[in-house]
Amino acid sequence: MEKRNKVLIKINGQEYPIVGSEPKDYLLKVGNYVDEKMQVIREANERLSTSMIAVLTSINMADQILKLEDELYRFQNDVAKPLKELTSLKNDLKSLKEEKNSLEMENFNLKKTNGQLQQFKEKYETETLDLKKRLEEKVDESEKHEVVINELQNKLFENQIKLVQARKQLEKYQSESK
């Protein structure tokens, strides 16, 4: 349960007991404030009764309270707009952070894919070089075979010429021997 504080306050020359949950210093401050406001009104017009001074003080204090409430309302509205902007900016920042994280993840994946493509490229280049080397070896082999084929064709041609010459000689010999 809340602790209740009790103080004796003197307002307009009369003592009043005040009880509240606020600290005693605060309750005394409130009483002094009311007493000062009533003294200002009493000094402005000494012919007023205590009840009229109290009513005028209440009216002045109510006026101050209402003006302060209006000012507080305007202040809250003035503060609300930047707070809304701040909230919007925080949301934008959150979205940008999420987008940044997403882009970083995409960048990571692209780097990973790039690394895999680089490995594939290196493997492809190695295999291409091997294939080129093998092709060159086959071309060299093919050229050697062509040389051998040409040599064999030349020998075949020479042998055919010799065969034709030998047939002619055989025919000549056979015709002479008859």
N, C-alpha and C. Protein backbone atom coordinates (compact mmCIF):
# COMPACT_ATOMS: atom_id res chain seq x y z
N MET A 1 0.83 -1.18 0.00
CA MET A 1 0.00 0.00 0.00
C MET A 1 0.87 1.24 0.00
N GLU A 2 0.40 2.28 -0.71
CA GLU A 2 1.17 3.51 -0.82
C GLU A 2 1.26 4.24 0.50
N LYS A 3 2.43 4.82 0.71
CA LYS A 3 2.63 5.61 1.93
C LYS A 3 1.99 6.97 1.73
N ARG A 4 1.23 7.40 2.72
CA ARG A 4 0.54 8.70 2.67
C ARG A 4 1.33 9.68 3.51
N ASN A 5 1.56 10.86 2.95
CA ASN A 5 2.27 11.92 3.67
C ASN A 5 1.29 13.02 4.05
N LYS A 6 1.50 13.60 5.24
CA LYS A 6 0.61 14.66 5.72
C LYS A 6 1.47 15.86 6.09
N VAL A 7 1.03 17.05 5.57
CA VAL A 7 1.74 18.29 5.90
C VAL A 7 0.71 19.36 6.25
N LEU A 8 1.17 20.38 6.97
CA LEU A 8 0.32 21.53 7.34
C LEU A 8 0.78 22.70 6.49
N ILE A 9 -0.15 23.25 5.68
CA ILE A 9 0.20 24.33 4.76
C ILE A 9 -0.57 25.58 5.15
N LYS A 10 0.13 26.73 5.07
CA LYS A 10 -0.51 28.00 5.40
C LYS A 10 -0.80 28.71 4.08
N ILE A 11 -2.12 28.93 3.82
CA ILE A 11 -2.54 29.58 2.58
C ILE A 11 -3.41 30.77 2.98
N ASN A 12 -3.01 31.95 2.53
CA ASN A 12 -3.74 33.19 2.79
C ASN A 12 -3.98 33.37 4.29
N GLY A 13 -2.97 33.03 5.09
CA GLY A 13 -3.03 33.24 6.53
C GLY A 13 -3.75 32.15 7.29
N GLN A 14 -4.25 31.14 6.63
CA GLN A 14 -4.99 30.08 7.32
C GLN A 14 -4.28 28.75 7.07
N GLU A 15 -4.21 27.88 8.08
CA GLU A 15 -3.52 26.61 7.97
C GLU A 15 -4.48 25.52 7.49
N TYR A 16 -3.94 24.66 6.57
CA TYR A 16 -4.72 23.56 6.02
C TYR A 16 -3.87 22.29 6.10
N PRO A 17 -4.47 21.20 6.60
CA PRO A 17 -3.73 19.93 6.56
C PRO A 17 -3.90 19.30 5.16
N ILE A 18 -2.80 18.88 4.56
CA ILE A 18 -2.82 18.28 3.22
C ILE A 18 -2.24 16.86 3.32
N VAL A 19 -2.93 15.89 2.71
CA VAL A 19 -2.47 14.51 2.72
C VAL A 19 -2.33 14.06 1.26
N GLY A 20 -1.21 13.38 0.96
CA GLY A 20 -1.01 12.90 -0.41
C GLY A 20 0.08 11.83 -0.46
N SER A 21 0.16 11.14 -1.59
CA SER A 21 1.18 10.09 -1.74
C SER A 21 2.52 10.66 -2.21
N GLU A 22 2.52 11.94 -2.62
CA GLU A 22 3.75 12.59 -3.05
C GLU A 22 4.62 12.89 -1.84
N PRO A 23 5.91 13.17 -2.06
CA PRO A 23 6.81 13.52 -0.95
C PRO A 23 6.36 14.82 -0.27
N LYS A 24 6.73 14.95 0.99
CA LYS A 24 6.31 16.13 1.78
C LYS A 24 6.81 17.42 1.15
N ASP A 25 8.02 17.41 0.62
CA ASP A 25 8.57 18.63 -0.01
C ASP A 25 7.69 19.07 -1.17
N TYR A 26 7.22 18.11 -1.94
CA TYR A 26 6.37 18.44 -3.07
C TYR A 26 5.04 19.04 -2.59
N LEU A 27 4.43 18.43 -1.57
CA LEU A 27 3.16 18.95 -1.04
C LEU A 27 3.32 20.37 -0.52
N LEU A 28 4.44 20.65 0.16
CA LEU A 28 4.72 22.01 0.65
C LEU A 28 4.89 22.97 -0.53
N LYS A 29 5.54 22.52 -1.58
CA LYS A 29 5.75 23.35 -2.78
C LYS A 29 4.41 23.72 -3.41
N VAL A 30 3.48 22.78 -3.49
CA VAL A 30 2.14 23.03 -4.04
C VAL A 30 1.43 24.08 -3.19
N GLY A 31 1.48 23.89 -1.86
CA GLY A 31 0.82 24.85 -0.95
C GLY A 31 1.41 26.24 -1.10
N ASN A 32 2.72 26.36 -1.16
CA ASN A 32 3.37 27.67 -1.31
C ASN A 32 2.99 28.32 -2.63
N TYR A 33 2.86 27.51 -3.68
CA TYR A 33 2.48 28.03 -4.99
C TYR A 33 1.09 28.67 -4.93
N VAL A 34 0.14 27.94 -4.33
CA VAL A 34 -1.23 28.45 -4.21
C VAL A 34 -1.24 29.72 -3.36
N ASP A 35 -0.50 29.73 -2.25
CA ASP A 35 -0.44 30.90 -1.37
C ASP A 35 0.12 32.11 -2.12
N GLU A 36 1.20 31.91 -2.93
CA GLU A 36 1.80 33.02 -3.69
C GLU A 36 0.81 33.58 -4.70
N LYS A 37 0.07 32.72 -5.38
CA LYS A 37 -0.90 33.17 -6.38
C LYS A 37 -2.04 33.95 -5.72
N MET A 38 -2.46 33.51 -4.54
CA MET A 38 -3.54 34.22 -3.82
C MET A 38 -3.03 35.57 -3.32
N GLN A 39 -1.79 35.63 -2.89
CA GLN A 39 -1.22 36.90 -2.41
C GLN A 39 -1.15 37.91 -3.54
N VAL A 40 -0.79 37.47 -4.77
CA VAL A 40 -0.73 38.38 -5.91
C VAL A 40 -2.10 38.99 -6.17
N ILE A 41 -3.15 38.19 -6.12
CA ILE A 41 -4.52 38.69 -6.37
C ILE A 41 -4.95 39.61 -5.23
N ARG A 42 -4.65 39.23 -3.96
CA ARG A 42 -5.03 40.05 -2.79
C ARG A 42 -4.33 41.41 -2.86
N GLU A 43 -3.06 41.43 -3.26
CA GLU A 43 -2.31 42.69 -3.33
C GLU A 43 -2.84 43.57 -4.46
N ALA A 44 -3.37 42.96 -5.52
CA ALA A 44 -3.92 43.73 -6.63
C ALA A 44 -5.23 44.39 -6.25
N ASN A 45 -5.99 43.73 -5.36
CA ASN A 45 -7.28 44.30 -4.94
C ASN A 45 -7.55 43.84 -3.51
N GLU A 46 -7.28 44.74 -2.53
CA GLU A 46 -7.37 44.39 -1.11
C GLU A 46 -8.81 44.30 -0.61
N ARG A 47 -9.78 44.73 -1.41
CA ARG A 47 -11.17 44.70 -0.96
C ARG A 47 -11.86 43.38 -1.21
N LEU A 48 -11.20 42.44 -1.87
CA LEU A 48 -11.82 41.15 -2.18
C LEU A 48 -11.86 40.26 -0.95
N SER A 49 -12.93 39.47 -0.86
CA SER A 49 -13.05 38.52 0.24
C SER A 49 -12.15 37.32 -0.04
N THR A 50 -11.93 36.52 1.00
CA THR A 50 -11.08 35.34 0.86
C THR A 50 -11.65 34.39 -0.19
N SER A 51 -12.97 34.22 -0.17
CA SER A 51 -13.57 33.31 -1.15
C SER A 51 -13.43 33.85 -2.57
N MET A 52 -13.53 35.16 -2.77
CA MET A 52 -13.36 35.74 -4.10
C MET A 52 -11.90 35.61 -4.56
N ILE A 53 -10.95 35.81 -3.59
CA ILE A 53 -9.53 35.63 -3.93
C ILE A 53 -9.29 34.18 -4.34
N ALA A 54 -9.91 33.23 -3.61
CA ALA A 54 -9.74 31.81 -3.91
C ALA A 54 -10.33 31.49 -5.29
N VAL A 55 -11.51 32.05 -5.59
CA VAL A 55 -12.14 31.79 -6.89
C VAL A 55 -11.28 32.37 -8.01
N LEU A 56 -10.83 33.64 -7.84
CA LEU A 56 -10.00 34.26 -8.88
C LEU A 56 -8.68 33.50 -9.07
N THR A 57 -8.11 33.06 -7.93
CA THR A 57 -6.88 32.26 -8.02
C THR A 57 -7.14 30.97 -8.77
N SER A 58 -8.28 30.32 -8.47
CA SER A 58 -8.66 29.09 -9.17
C SER A 58 -8.85 29.34 -10.66
N ILE A 59 -9.51 30.47 -10.98
CA ILE A 59 -9.72 30.80 -12.41
C ILE A 59 -8.37 31.02 -13.10
N ASN A 60 -7.47 31.79 -12.45
CA ASN A 60 -6.15 32.04 -13.04
C ASN A 60 -5.36 30.73 -13.21
N MET A 61 -5.42 29.89 -12.18
CA MET A 61 -4.69 28.63 -12.25
C MET A 61 -5.31 27.71 -13.32
N ALA A 62 -6.66 27.71 -13.42
CA ALA A 62 -7.33 26.91 -14.45
C ALA A 62 -6.92 27.42 -15.83
N ASP A 63 -6.84 28.74 -15.98
CA ASP A 63 -6.40 29.34 -17.24
C ASP A 63 -4.98 28.87 -17.57
N GLN A 64 -4.10 28.91 -16.57
CA GLN A 64 -2.73 28.46 -16.79
C GLN A 64 -2.69 26.97 -17.17
N ILE A 65 -3.49 26.18 -16.46
CA ILE A 65 -3.53 24.74 -16.74
C ILE A 65 -4.02 24.47 -18.16
N LEU A 66 -5.10 25.14 -18.56
CA LEU A 66 -5.64 24.93 -19.91
C LEU A 66 -4.65 25.36 -20.99
N LYS A 67 -4.00 26.51 -20.74
CA LYS A 67 -2.99 26.96 -21.71
C LYS A 67 -1.84 25.97 -21.78
N LEU A 68 -1.42 25.47 -20.62
CA LEU A 68 -0.35 24.47 -20.59
C LEU A 68 -0.78 23.17 -21.29
N GLU A 69 -2.06 22.77 -21.08
CA GLU A 69 -2.56 21.58 -21.76
C GLU A 69 -2.56 21.77 -23.28
N ASP A 70 -3.00 23.00 -23.72
CA ASP A 70 -2.96 23.29 -25.17
C ASP A 70 -1.53 23.24 -25.69
N GLU A 71 -0.63 23.85 -24.93
CA GLU A 71 0.78 23.86 -25.33
C GLU A 71 1.34 22.42 -25.35
N LEU A 72 0.95 21.65 -24.34
CA LEU A 72 1.39 20.25 -24.28
C LEU A 72 0.85 19.48 -25.49
N TYR A 73 -0.43 19.73 -25.84
CA TYR A 73 -1.04 19.06 -26.99
C TYR A 73 -0.29 19.42 -28.28
N ARG A 74 -0.01 20.74 -28.46
CA ARG A 74 0.75 21.18 -29.64
C ARG A 74 2.15 20.56 -29.64
N PHE A 75 2.77 20.54 -28.47
CA PHE A 75 4.10 19.94 -28.34
C PHE A 75 4.06 18.45 -28.71
N GLN A 76 3.05 17.75 -28.18
CA GLN A 76 2.92 16.32 -28.48
C GLN A 76 2.72 16.10 -29.98
N ASN A 77 1.91 16.98 -30.61
CA ASN A 77 1.72 16.87 -32.06
C ASN A 77 3.01 17.18 -32.81
N ASP A 78 3.72 18.22 -32.32
CA ASP A 78 5.00 18.57 -32.95
C ASP A 78 6.01 17.43 -32.80
N VAL A 79 5.97 16.77 -31.67
CA VAL A 79 6.90 15.67 -31.41
C VAL A 79 6.43 14.41 -32.15
N ALA A 80 5.13 14.26 -32.30
CA ALA A 80 4.59 13.05 -32.93
C ALA A 80 5.05 12.92 -34.37
N LYS A 81 5.09 14.04 -35.09
CA LYS A 81 5.48 13.99 -36.50
C LYS A 81 6.92 13.47 -36.65
N PRO A 82 7.90 14.06 -35.93
CA PRO A 82 9.25 13.50 -36.03
C PRO A 82 9.33 12.05 -35.53
N LEU A 83 8.51 11.72 -34.53
CA LEU A 83 8.52 10.33 -34.04
C LEU A 83 8.00 9.39 -35.12
N LYS A 84 6.96 9.83 -35.85
CA LYS A 84 6.45 9.01 -36.95
C LYS A 84 7.53 8.87 -38.02
N GLU A 85 8.19 10.00 -38.32
CA GLU A 85 9.28 9.95 -39.30
C GLU A 85 10.40 9.03 -38.82
N LEU A 86 10.71 9.12 -37.53
CA LEU A 86 11.75 8.27 -36.96
C LEU A 86 11.35 6.80 -37.09
N THR A 87 10.10 6.50 -36.76
CA THR A 87 9.60 5.13 -36.88
C THR A 87 9.68 4.67 -38.33
N SER A 88 9.28 5.56 -39.25
CA SER A 88 9.35 5.23 -40.67
C SER A 88 10.80 5.00 -41.09
N LEU A 89 11.70 5.87 -40.62
CA LEU A 89 13.12 5.71 -40.95
C LEU A 89 13.69 4.43 -40.35
N LYS A 90 13.25 4.09 -39.13
CA LYS A 90 13.70 2.84 -38.52
C LYS A 90 13.23 1.65 -39.36
N ASN A 91 11.97 1.72 -39.81
CA ASN A 91 11.45 0.65 -40.66
C ASN A 91 12.22 0.57 -41.98
N ASP A 92 12.51 1.77 -42.56
CA ASP A 92 13.30 1.80 -43.79
C ASP A 92 14.68 1.21 -43.54
N LEU A 93 15.28 1.58 -42.41
CA LEU A 93 16.61 1.06 -42.07
C LEU A 93 16.57 -0.45 -41.92
N LYS A 94 15.51 -0.94 -41.26
CA LYS A 94 15.37 -2.39 -41.08
C LYS A 94 15.25 -3.06 -42.45
N SER A 95 14.43 -2.47 -43.33
CA SER A 95 14.26 -3.03 -44.67
C SER A 95 15.58 -3.01 -45.43
N LEU A 96 16.31 -1.89 -45.31
CA LEU A 96 17.59 -1.78 -46.00
C LEU A 96 18.60 -2.79 -45.45
N LYS A 97 18.58 -3.01 -44.13
CA LYS A 97 19.48 -4.01 -43.54
C LYS A 97 19.13 -5.40 -44.06
N GLU A 98 17.83 -5.69 -44.13
CA GLU A 98 17.41 -6.99 -44.66
C GLU A 98 17.83 -7.14 -46.12
N GLU A 99 17.64 -6.05 -46.89
CA GLU A 99 18.04 -6.07 -48.30
C GLU A 99 19.55 -6.24 -48.41
N LYS A 100 20.29 -5.54 -47.53
CA LYS A 100 21.75 -5.65 -47.52
C LYS A 100 22.15 -7.09 -47.23
N ASN A 101 21.52 -7.68 -46.21
CA ASN A 101 21.84 -9.08 -45.87
C ASN A 101 21.52 -10.00 -47.04
N SER A 102 20.39 -9.74 -47.69
CA SER A 102 20.00 -10.56 -48.84
C SER A 102 21.02 -10.40 -49.97
N LEU A 103 21.44 -9.15 -50.22
CA LEU A 103 22.42 -8.90 -51.28
C LEU A 103 23.78 -9.51 -50.92
N GLU A 104 24.15 -9.45 -49.64
CA GLU A 104 25.41 -10.07 -49.22
C GLU A 104 25.35 -11.58 -49.43
N MET A 105 24.21 -12.18 -49.12
CA MET A 105 24.04 -13.62 -49.32
C MET A 105 24.10 -13.95 -50.81
N GLU A 106 23.44 -13.12 -51.62
CA GLU A 106 23.46 -13.33 -53.06
C GLU A 106 24.89 -13.16 -53.59
N ASN A 107 25.58 -12.14 -53.08
CA ASN A 107 26.98 -11.91 -53.47
C ASN A 107 27.85 -13.12 -53.10
N PHE A 108 27.63 -13.64 -51.90
CA PHE A 108 28.37 -14.83 -51.45
C PHE A 108 28.12 -16.00 -52.40
N ASN A 109 26.83 -16.21 -52.72
CA ASN A 109 26.47 -17.31 -53.62
C ASN A 109 27.07 -17.10 -55.02
N LEU A 110 27.06 -15.83 -55.47
CA LEU A 110 27.65 -15.55 -56.78
C LEU A 110 29.16 -15.79 -56.78
N LYS A 111 29.82 -15.41 -55.68
CA LYS A 111 31.26 -15.66 -55.58
C LYS A 111 31.53 -17.17 -55.57
N LYS A 112 30.68 -17.90 -54.85
CA LYS A 112 30.83 -19.35 -54.81
C LYS A 112 30.64 -19.94 -56.21
N THR A 113 29.59 -19.49 -56.89
CA THR A 113 29.33 -19.95 -58.26
C THR A 113 30.47 -19.54 -59.18
N ASN A 114 30.97 -18.33 -59.00
CA ASN A 114 32.09 -17.85 -59.81
C ASN A 114 33.32 -18.74 -59.59
N GLY A 115 33.55 -19.11 -58.33
CA GLY A 115 34.66 -20.01 -58.02
C GLY A 115 34.49 -21.36 -58.71
N GLN A 116 33.26 -21.87 -58.69
CA GLN A 116 32.99 -23.15 -59.34
C GLN A 116 33.19 -23.02 -60.85
N LEU A 117 32.70 -21.88 -61.41
CA LEU A 117 32.88 -21.66 -62.85
C LEU A 117 34.36 -21.52 -63.20
N GLN A 118 35.11 -20.87 -62.32
CA GLN A 118 36.55 -20.72 -62.54
C GLN A 118 37.23 -22.09 -62.57
N GLN A 119 36.84 -22.95 -61.61
CA GLN A 119 37.39 -24.31 -61.58
C GLN A 119 37.01 -25.07 -62.85
N PHE A 120 35.76 -24.93 -63.28
CA PHE A 120 35.30 -25.59 -64.50
C PHE A 120 36.08 -25.07 -65.70
N LYS A 121 36.29 -23.74 -65.74
CA LYS A 121 37.04 -23.12 -66.84
C LYS A 121 38.47 -23.66 -66.88
N GLU A 122 39.11 -23.72 -65.71
CA GLU A 122 40.47 -24.23 -65.64
C GLU A 122 40.52 -25.69 -66.11
N LYS A 123 39.55 -26.48 -65.67
CA LYS A 123 39.49 -27.88 -66.08
C LYS A 123 39.26 -27.97 -67.58
N TYR A 124 38.35 -27.12 -68.09
CA TYR A 124 38.05 -27.11 -69.52
C TYR A 124 39.30 -26.72 -70.32
N GLU A 125 40.00 -25.68 -69.83
CA GLU A 125 41.22 -25.24 -70.53
C GLU A 125 42.27 -26.34 -70.52
N THR A 126 42.42 -27.02 -69.39
CA THR A 126 43.38 -28.12 -69.30
C THR A 126 43.00 -29.23 -70.27
N GLU A 127 41.72 -29.60 -70.26
CA GLU A 127 41.25 -30.65 -71.16
C GLU A 127 41.40 -30.22 -72.61
N THR A 128 41.15 -28.95 -72.90
CA THR A 128 41.28 -28.43 -74.26
C THR A 128 42.74 -28.51 -74.71
N LEU A 129 43.64 -28.12 -73.81
CA LEU A 129 45.06 -28.21 -74.14
C LEU A 129 45.47 -29.66 -74.39
N ASP A 130 44.97 -30.57 -73.53
CA ASP A 130 45.26 -31.99 -73.74
C ASP A 130 44.72 -32.47 -75.08
N LEU A 131 43.49 -32.07 -75.40
CA LEU A 131 42.89 -32.47 -76.67
C LEU A 131 43.67 -31.89 -77.85
N LYS A 132 44.09 -30.63 -77.74
CA LYS A 132 44.87 -30.01 -78.81
C LYS A 132 46.18 -30.76 -79.00
N LYS A 133 46.83 -31.11 -77.88
CA LYS A 133 48.09 -31.84 -77.94
C LYS A 133 47.87 -33.20 -78.61
N ARG A 134 46.81 -33.90 -78.19
CA ARG A 134 46.51 -35.20 -78.78
C ARG A 134 46.18 -35.06 -80.27
N LEU A 135 45.45 -33.98 -80.62
CA LEU A 135 45.10 -33.74 -82.02
C LEU A 135 46.37 -33.48 -82.83
N GLU A 136 47.26 -32.66 -82.27
CA GLU A 136 48.52 -32.38 -82.97
C GLU A 136 49.32 -33.68 -83.16
N GLU A 137 49.31 -34.52 -82.11
CA GLU A 137 50.01 -35.80 -82.23
C GLU A 137 49.37 -36.65 -83.33
N LYS A 138 48.05 -36.66 -83.39
CA LYS A 138 47.34 -37.44 -84.42
C LYS A 138 47.62 -36.87 -85.81
N VAL A 139 47.66 -35.51 -85.90
CA VAL A 139 47.96 -34.88 -87.19
C VAL A 139 49.37 -35.27 -87.62
N ASP A 140 50.33 -35.20 -86.65
CA ASP A 140 51.70 -35.61 -86.96
C ASP A 140 51.73 -37.08 -87.41
N GLU A 141 51.00 -37.92 -86.67
CA GLU A 141 50.92 -39.35 -87.02
C GLU A 141 50.33 -39.52 -88.41
N SER A 142 49.27 -38.74 -88.67
CA SER A 142 48.58 -38.81 -89.95
C SER A 142 49.51 -38.38 -91.07
N GLU A 143 50.29 -37.32 -90.82
CA GLU A 143 51.24 -36.85 -91.83
C GLU A 143 52.29 -37.93 -92.09
N LYS A 144 52.75 -38.58 -91.04
CA LYS A 144 53.73 -39.67 -91.20
C LYS A 144 53.11 -40.81 -92.01
N HIS A 145 51.83 -41.12 -91.69
CA HIS A 145 51.15 -42.19 -92.43
C HIS A 145 50.99 -41.80 -93.90
N GLU A 146 50.72 -40.51 -94.15
CA GLU A 146 50.58 -40.06 -95.53
C GLU A 146 51.89 -40.24 -96.28
N VAL A 147 52.97 -39.90 -95.58
CA VAL A 147 54.29 -40.08 -96.20
C VAL A 147 54.50 -41.56 -96.53
N VAL A 148 54.19 -42.44 -95.57
CA VAL A 148 54.35 -43.89 -95.79
C VAL A 148 53.43 -44.34 -96.92
N ILE A 149 52.19 -43.85 -96.91
CA ILE A 149 51.23 -44.22 -97.97
C ILE A 149 51.75 -43.76 -99.31
N ASN A 150 52.23 -42.51 -99.36
CA ASN A 150 52.79 -41.98 -100.62
C ASN A 150 53.97 -42.83 -101.09
N GLU A 151 54.82 -43.18 -100.14
CA GLU A 151 55.97 -44.01 -100.48
C GLU A 151 55.50 -45.36 -101.02
N LEU A 152 54.48 -45.93 -100.31
CA LEU A 152 53.96 -47.23 -100.75
C LEU A 152 53.27 -47.11 -102.10
N GLN A 153 52.56 -46.02 -102.31
CA GLN A 153 51.90 -45.82 -103.60
C GLN A 153 52.96 -45.68 -104.71
N ASN A 154 54.01 -44.93 -104.37
CA ASN A 154 55.10 -44.79 -105.37
C ASN A 154 55.72 -46.16 -105.67
N LYS A 155 55.97 -46.95 -104.60
CA LYS A 155 56.54 -48.29 -104.81
C LYS A 155 55.57 -49.15 -105.61
N LEU A 156 54.25 -49.01 -105.27
CA LEU A 156 53.25 -49.78 -106.00
C LEU A 156 53.26 -49.38 -107.46
N PHE A 157 53.33 -48.09 -107.71
CA PHE A 157 53.35 -47.59 -109.08
C PHE A 157 54.60 -48.10 -109.80
N GLU A 158 55.73 -48.02 -109.12
CA GLU A 158 56.98 -48.52 -109.69
C GLU A 158 56.87 -50.01 -109.97
N ASN A 159 56.28 -50.72 -108.96
CA ASN A 159 56.12 -52.18 -109.13
C ASN A 159 55.16 -52.48 -110.28
N GLN A 160 54.12 -51.66 -110.45
CA GLN A 160 53.19 -51.88 -111.56
C GLN A 160 53.91 -51.64 -112.90
N ILE A 161 54.75 -50.59 -112.90
CA ILE A 161 55.52 -50.32 -114.12
C ILE A 161 56.44 -51.50 -114.40
N LYS A 162 57.12 -51.97 -113.35
CA LYS A 162 58.01 -53.12 -113.51
C LYS A 162 57.22 -54.34 -113.97
N LEU A 163 56.00 -54.48 -113.41
CA LEU A 163 55.16 -55.61 -113.78
C LEU A 163 54.78 -55.52 -115.26
N VAL A 164 54.40 -54.31 -115.66
CA VAL A 164 54.03 -54.12 -117.07
C VAL A 164 55.26 -54.41 -117.94
N GLN A 165 56.41 -53.92 -117.54
CA GLN A 165 57.64 -54.15 -118.30
C GLN A 165 57.95 -55.66 -118.32
N ALA A 166 57.75 -56.30 -117.15
CA ALA A 166 58.04 -57.72 -117.07
C ALA A 166 57.07 -58.48 -117.96
N ARG A 167 55.82 -58.09 -118.03
CA ARG A 167 54.84 -58.75 -118.89
C ARG A 167 55.22 -58.57 -120.36
N LYS A 168 55.64 -57.35 -120.65
CA LYS A 168 56.04 -57.09 -122.04
C LYS A 168 57.25 -57.97 -122.40
N GLN A 169 58.17 -58.06 -121.47
CA GLN A 169 59.35 -58.88 -121.72
C GLN A 169 58.93 -60.34 -121.84
N LEU A 170 57.99 -60.76 -120.95
CA LEU A 170 57.53 -62.13 -121.00
C LEU A 170 56.83 -62.40 -122.32
N GLU A 171 56.01 -61.47 -122.74
CA GLU A 171 55.30 -61.64 -124.01
C GLU A 171 56.31 -61.65 -125.16
N LYS A 172 57.24 -60.77 -125.10
CA LYS A 172 58.29 -60.71 -126.14
C LYS A 172 59.08 -62.03 -126.13
N TYR A 173 59.41 -62.49 -124.97
CA TYR A 173 60.16 -63.71 -124.85
C TYR A 173 59.30 -64.89 -125.36
N GLN A 174 58.05 -64.89 -125.00
CA GLN A 174 57.16 -65.97 -125.44
C GLN A 174 56.97 -65.88 -126.95
N SER A 175 56.83 -64.75 -127.48
CA SER A 175 56.64 -64.62 -128.92
C SER A 175 57.95 -64.98 -129.62
N GLU A 176 59.07 -64.74 -129.11
CA GLU A 176 60.36 -65.10 -129.72
C GLU A 176 60.58 -66.60 -129.54
N SER A 177 60.18 -67.16 -128.50
CA SER A 177 60.41 -68.57 -128.28
C SER A 177 59.38 -69.39 -129.09
N LYS A 178 58.47 -68.98 -129.66
CA LYS A 178 57.54 -69.72 -130.45
C LYS A 178 58.04 -69.81 -131.78
